[in-house]
Amino acid sequence: MIEPNRTEWQVRCAFNAFCKRVLKNEAINIYNERQQRLTKEMTFPDLTPQEENQLYTLDKQYGGKEEEGFQVAGRVSLQNYLQKRCALCQKKSG
């Protein structure tokens, strides 16, 4: 289809209308996505205590014995060090 020659003003108006339409449709998409997200999400104050307890887990830091610590960069953990120091202090005082 052959379009007639347009003036520069008509081209600007057509481009302006196109940009406005794109922005309006994008705003509608953002609004719809936000509404969908709000229906799926729940805020922390809305949670029951049972649901709050499901949000976290506790890992065992020690595989077997509690005396065993873990090493970071070749150093023994602080808890293991303190346990040994307490044992030494008890032996000296006891």
N, C-alpha and C. Protein backbone atom coordinates (compact mmCIF):
# COMPACT_ATOMS: atom_id res chain seq x y z
N MET A 1 0.85 -1.17 0.00
CA MET A 1 0.00 0.00 0.00
C MET A 1 0.89 1.23 0.00
N ILE A 2 0.64 2.11 -0.86
CA ILE A 2 1.43 3.33 -0.97
C ILE A 2 0.78 4.41 -0.12
N GLU A 3 1.58 4.98 0.79
CA GLU A 3 1.07 6.04 1.64
C GLU A 3 1.41 7.38 1.02
N PRO A 4 0.54 8.33 1.16
CA PRO A 4 0.85 9.65 0.62
C PRO A 4 1.98 10.30 1.41
N ASN A 5 2.66 11.22 0.79
CA ASN A 5 3.74 11.94 1.46
C ASN A 5 3.15 12.69 2.65
N ARG A 6 3.78 12.50 3.77
CA ARG A 6 3.31 13.16 4.97
C ARG A 6 4.23 14.33 5.28
N THR A 7 3.65 15.28 5.91
CA THR A 7 4.47 16.40 6.34
C THR A 7 5.19 16.01 7.61
N GLU A 8 6.20 16.74 7.95
CA GLU A 8 6.97 16.44 9.15
C GLU A 8 6.08 16.51 10.39
N TRP A 9 5.14 17.42 10.41
CA TRP A 9 4.24 17.56 11.56
C TRP A 9 3.36 16.32 11.71
N GLN A 10 2.86 15.78 10.64
CA GLN A 10 2.03 14.59 10.71
C GLN A 10 2.82 13.39 11.20
N VAL A 11 4.09 13.30 10.78
CA VAL A 11 4.94 12.20 11.23
C VAL A 11 5.17 12.32 12.74
N ARG A 12 5.44 13.54 13.21
CA ARG A 12 5.64 13.75 14.65
C ARG A 12 4.38 13.38 15.43
N CYS A 13 3.23 13.79 14.93
CA CYS A 13 1.97 13.48 15.63
C CYS A 13 1.73 11.98 15.68
N ALA A 14 2.00 11.28 14.58
CA ALA A 14 1.80 9.83 14.54
C ALA A 14 2.76 9.13 15.52
N PHE A 15 4.02 9.58 15.56
CA PHE A 15 4.99 8.99 16.47
C PHE A 15 4.61 9.29 17.92
N ASN A 16 4.15 10.49 18.19
CA ASN A 16 3.73 10.88 19.52
C ASN A 16 2.56 10.00 19.99
N ALA A 17 1.60 9.78 19.11
CA ALA A 17 0.45 8.93 19.45
C ALA A 17 0.89 7.49 19.71
N PHE A 18 1.84 7.01 18.90
CA PHE A 18 2.35 5.65 19.09
C PHE A 18 3.03 5.52 20.45
N CYS A 19 3.86 6.50 20.82
CA CYS A 19 4.57 6.46 22.10
C CYS A 19 3.58 6.49 23.28
N LYS A 20 2.56 7.33 23.18
CA LYS A 20 1.57 7.41 24.24
C LYS A 20 0.82 6.08 24.40
N ARG A 21 0.50 5.45 23.28
CA ARG A 21 -0.22 4.17 23.32
C ARG A 21 0.65 3.09 23.96
N VAL A 22 1.95 3.08 23.61
CA VAL A 22 2.86 2.09 24.19
C VAL A 22 2.97 2.29 25.70
N LEU A 23 3.14 3.55 26.14
CA LEU A 23 3.26 3.82 27.57
C LEU A 23 1.98 3.47 28.33
N LYS A 24 0.84 3.76 27.72
CA LYS A 24 -0.43 3.44 28.38
C LYS A 24 -0.58 1.94 28.53
N ASN A 25 -0.27 1.18 27.48
CA ASN A 25 -0.39 -0.28 27.56
C ASN A 25 0.60 -0.87 28.55
N GLU A 26 1.80 -0.30 28.62
CA GLU A 26 2.78 -0.80 29.58
C GLU A 26 2.32 -0.51 31.01
N ALA A 27 1.72 0.63 31.24
CA ALA A 27 1.19 0.95 32.57
C ALA A 27 0.09 -0.04 32.95
N ILE A 28 -0.75 -0.41 32.00
CA ILE A 28 -1.81 -1.40 32.27
C ILE A 28 -1.19 -2.74 32.60
N ASN A 29 -0.15 -3.14 31.86
CA ASN A 29 0.52 -4.42 32.15
C ASN A 29 1.14 -4.42 33.54
N ILE A 30 1.78 -3.33 33.91
CA ILE A 30 2.40 -3.24 35.24
C ILE A 30 1.33 -3.32 36.32
N TYR A 31 0.22 -2.64 36.14
CA TYR A 31 -0.88 -2.68 37.11
C TYR A 31 -1.41 -4.10 37.25
N ASN A 32 -1.61 -4.79 36.13
CA ASN A 32 -2.13 -6.17 36.18
C ASN A 32 -1.15 -7.11 36.86
N GLU A 33 0.14 -6.97 36.57
CA GLU A 33 1.14 -7.82 37.21
C GLU A 33 1.18 -7.56 38.71
N ARG A 34 1.06 -6.31 39.11
CA ARG A 34 1.07 -5.97 40.53
C ARG A 34 -0.14 -6.58 41.23
N GLN A 35 -1.30 -6.52 40.61
CA GLN A 35 -2.50 -7.10 41.21
C GLN A 35 -2.36 -8.61 41.36
N GLN A 36 -1.79 -9.26 40.34
CA GLN A 36 -1.58 -10.71 40.43
C GLN A 36 -0.62 -11.05 41.56
N ARG A 37 0.45 -10.28 41.70
CA ARG A 37 1.43 -10.53 42.75
C ARG A 37 0.81 -10.32 44.12
N LEU A 38 -0.02 -9.29 44.27
CA LEU A 38 -0.64 -9.02 45.57
C LEU A 38 -1.59 -10.14 45.99
N THR A 39 -2.23 -10.79 45.01
CA THR A 39 -3.13 -11.90 45.37
C THR A 39 -2.34 -13.12 45.83
N LYS A 40 -1.08 -13.25 45.38
CA LYS A 40 -0.27 -14.42 45.75
C LYS A 40 0.57 -14.19 46.99
N GLU A 41 0.95 -12.95 47.27
CA GLU A 41 1.82 -12.65 48.39
C GLU A 41 1.03 -12.41 49.67
N MET A 42 1.74 -12.62 50.79
CA MET A 42 1.13 -12.38 52.10
C MET A 42 2.17 -11.65 52.95
N THR A 43 1.74 -10.68 53.72
CA THR A 43 2.66 -9.94 54.57
C THR A 43 2.90 -10.71 55.87
N PHE A 44 4.01 -10.42 56.54
CA PHE A 44 4.35 -11.12 57.76
C PHE A 44 3.32 -10.95 58.88
N PRO A 45 2.76 -9.78 59.09
CA PRO A 45 1.75 -9.68 60.16
C PRO A 45 0.50 -10.53 59.90
N ASP A 46 0.24 -10.88 58.65
CA ASP A 46 -0.93 -11.68 58.33
C ASP A 46 -0.72 -13.17 58.58
N LEU A 47 0.52 -13.58 58.85
CA LEU A 47 0.82 -15.00 59.03
C LEU A 47 0.41 -15.47 60.42
N THR A 48 -0.04 -16.70 60.50
CA THR A 48 -0.32 -17.32 61.79
C THR A 48 1.01 -17.80 62.38
N PRO A 49 1.07 -18.06 63.69
CA PRO A 49 2.33 -18.56 64.28
C PRO A 49 2.81 -19.86 63.63
N GLN A 50 1.89 -20.73 63.25
CA GLN A 50 2.29 -21.99 62.60
C GLN A 50 2.94 -21.71 61.25
N GLU A 51 2.40 -20.75 60.50
CA GLU A 51 2.98 -20.41 59.20
C GLU A 51 4.34 -19.74 59.37
N GLU A 52 4.49 -18.94 60.42
CA GLU A 52 5.78 -18.31 60.69
C GLU A 52 6.85 -19.35 60.99
N ASN A 53 6.47 -20.39 61.72
CA ASN A 53 7.44 -21.43 62.06
C ASN A 53 7.89 -22.22 60.85
N GLN A 54 7.12 -22.22 59.79
CA GLN A 54 7.51 -22.94 58.57
C GLN A 54 8.51 -22.16 57.72
N LEU A 55 8.77 -20.91 58.08
CA LEU A 55 9.63 -20.08 57.26
C LEU A 55 11.12 -20.27 57.53
N TYR A 56 11.48 -20.98 58.56
CA TYR A 56 12.89 -21.14 58.86
C TYR A 56 13.18 -22.56 59.30
N THR A 57 14.42 -22.94 59.18
CA THR A 57 14.88 -24.24 59.66
C THR A 57 16.19 -24.04 60.40
N LEU A 58 16.50 -24.96 61.25
CA LEU A 58 17.76 -24.94 61.98
C LEU A 58 18.60 -26.11 61.50
N ASP A 59 19.85 -25.84 61.18
CA ASP A 59 20.76 -26.88 60.75
C ASP A 59 21.59 -27.36 61.93
N LYS A 60 21.97 -28.62 61.88
CA LYS A 60 22.91 -29.11 62.88
C LYS A 60 24.30 -28.66 62.45
N GLN A 61 25.00 -28.01 63.35
CA GLN A 61 26.33 -27.54 63.00
C GLN A 61 27.37 -28.64 63.13
N TYR A 62 27.09 -29.61 63.95
CA TYR A 62 28.06 -30.65 64.20
C TYR A 62 27.49 -31.97 63.72
N GLY A 63 28.31 -32.71 62.98
CA GLY A 63 27.86 -33.97 62.41
C GLY A 63 27.54 -35.02 63.44
N GLY A 64 28.45 -35.32 64.32
CA GLY A 64 28.21 -36.38 65.26
C GLY A 64 28.31 -35.92 66.69
N LYS A 65 29.52 -35.88 67.17
CA LYS A 65 29.75 -35.52 68.57
C LYS A 65 29.74 -34.01 68.72
N GLU A 66 29.28 -33.58 69.86
CA GLU A 66 29.26 -32.14 70.11
C GLU A 66 30.65 -31.61 70.39
N GLU A 67 31.59 -32.49 70.83
CA GLU A 67 32.93 -32.01 71.11
C GLU A 67 33.63 -31.59 69.82
N GLU A 68 33.25 -32.21 68.74
CA GLU A 68 33.89 -31.89 67.48
C GLU A 68 33.40 -30.54 66.99
N GLY A 69 34.31 -29.74 66.58
CA GLY A 69 33.95 -28.44 66.02
C GLY A 69 34.14 -28.48 64.52
N PHE A 70 34.09 -27.35 63.94
CA PHE A 70 34.36 -27.25 62.52
C PHE A 70 35.53 -26.30 62.32
N GLN A 71 36.20 -26.42 61.22
CA GLN A 71 37.36 -25.60 60.97
C GLN A 71 37.09 -24.64 59.83
N VAL A 72 37.55 -23.42 60.01
CA VAL A 72 37.47 -22.41 58.97
C VAL A 72 38.88 -21.90 58.76
N ALA A 73 39.37 -22.01 57.54
CA ALA A 73 40.73 -21.58 57.19
C ALA A 73 41.76 -22.23 58.10
N GLY A 74 41.54 -23.50 58.44
CA GLY A 74 42.50 -24.24 59.24
C GLY A 74 42.43 -23.96 60.73
N ARG A 75 41.50 -23.14 61.17
CA ARG A 75 41.37 -22.83 62.60
C ARG A 75 40.14 -23.53 63.16
N VAL A 76 40.24 -23.91 64.41
CA VAL A 76 39.13 -24.58 65.08
C VAL A 76 38.09 -23.53 65.45
N SER A 77 36.83 -23.93 65.47
CA SER A 77 35.76 -23.00 65.77
C SER A 77 35.89 -22.43 67.19
N LEU A 78 35.31 -21.29 67.41
CA LEU A 78 35.37 -20.61 68.70
C LEU A 78 34.70 -21.45 69.79
N GLN A 79 33.60 -22.08 69.46
CA GLN A 79 32.89 -22.87 70.46
C GLN A 79 33.76 -24.02 70.94
N ASN A 80 34.43 -24.68 70.02
CA ASN A 80 35.31 -25.79 70.39
C ASN A 80 36.45 -25.29 71.25
N TYR A 81 37.01 -24.15 70.91
CA TYR A 81 38.10 -23.55 71.68
C TYR A 81 37.63 -23.22 73.10
N LEU A 82 36.46 -22.62 73.22
CA LEU A 82 35.94 -22.26 74.54
C LEU A 82 35.64 -23.50 75.39
N GLN A 83 35.16 -24.56 74.75
CA GLN A 83 34.89 -25.78 75.50
C GLN A 83 36.17 -26.36 76.07
N LYS A 84 37.24 -26.32 75.29
CA LYS A 84 38.52 -26.85 75.77
C LYS A 84 39.06 -25.98 76.90
N ARG A 85 38.93 -24.66 76.76
CA ARG A 85 39.41 -23.75 77.80
C ARG A 85 38.63 -23.95 79.11
N CYS A 86 37.32 -24.13 79.00
CA CYS A 86 36.50 -24.36 80.20
C CYS A 86 36.89 -25.67 80.88
N ALA A 87 37.17 -26.67 80.08
CA ALA A 87 37.57 -27.97 80.64
C ALA A 87 38.90 -27.82 81.39
N LEU A 88 39.83 -27.04 80.80
CA LEU A 88 41.10 -26.82 81.48
C LEU A 88 40.92 -26.05 82.77
N CYS A 89 40.07 -25.03 82.75
CA CYS A 89 39.81 -24.23 83.95
C CYS A 89 39.19 -25.08 85.05
N GLN A 90 38.28 -25.96 84.68
CA GLN A 90 37.64 -26.82 85.67
C GLN A 90 38.64 -27.79 86.29
N LYS A 91 39.57 -28.29 85.46
CA LYS A 91 40.58 -29.20 85.99
C LYS A 91 41.51 -28.50 86.97
N LYS A 92 41.87 -27.26 86.66
CA LYS A 92 42.79 -26.50 87.53
C LYS A 92 42.10 -26.15 88.86
N SER A 93 40.84 -25.74 88.79
CA SER A 93 40.14 -25.33 90.00
C SER A 93 39.63 -26.52 90.79
N GLY A 94 39.40 -27.63 90.13
CA GLY A 94 38.77 -28.78 90.77
C GLY A 94 39.75 -29.74 91.24
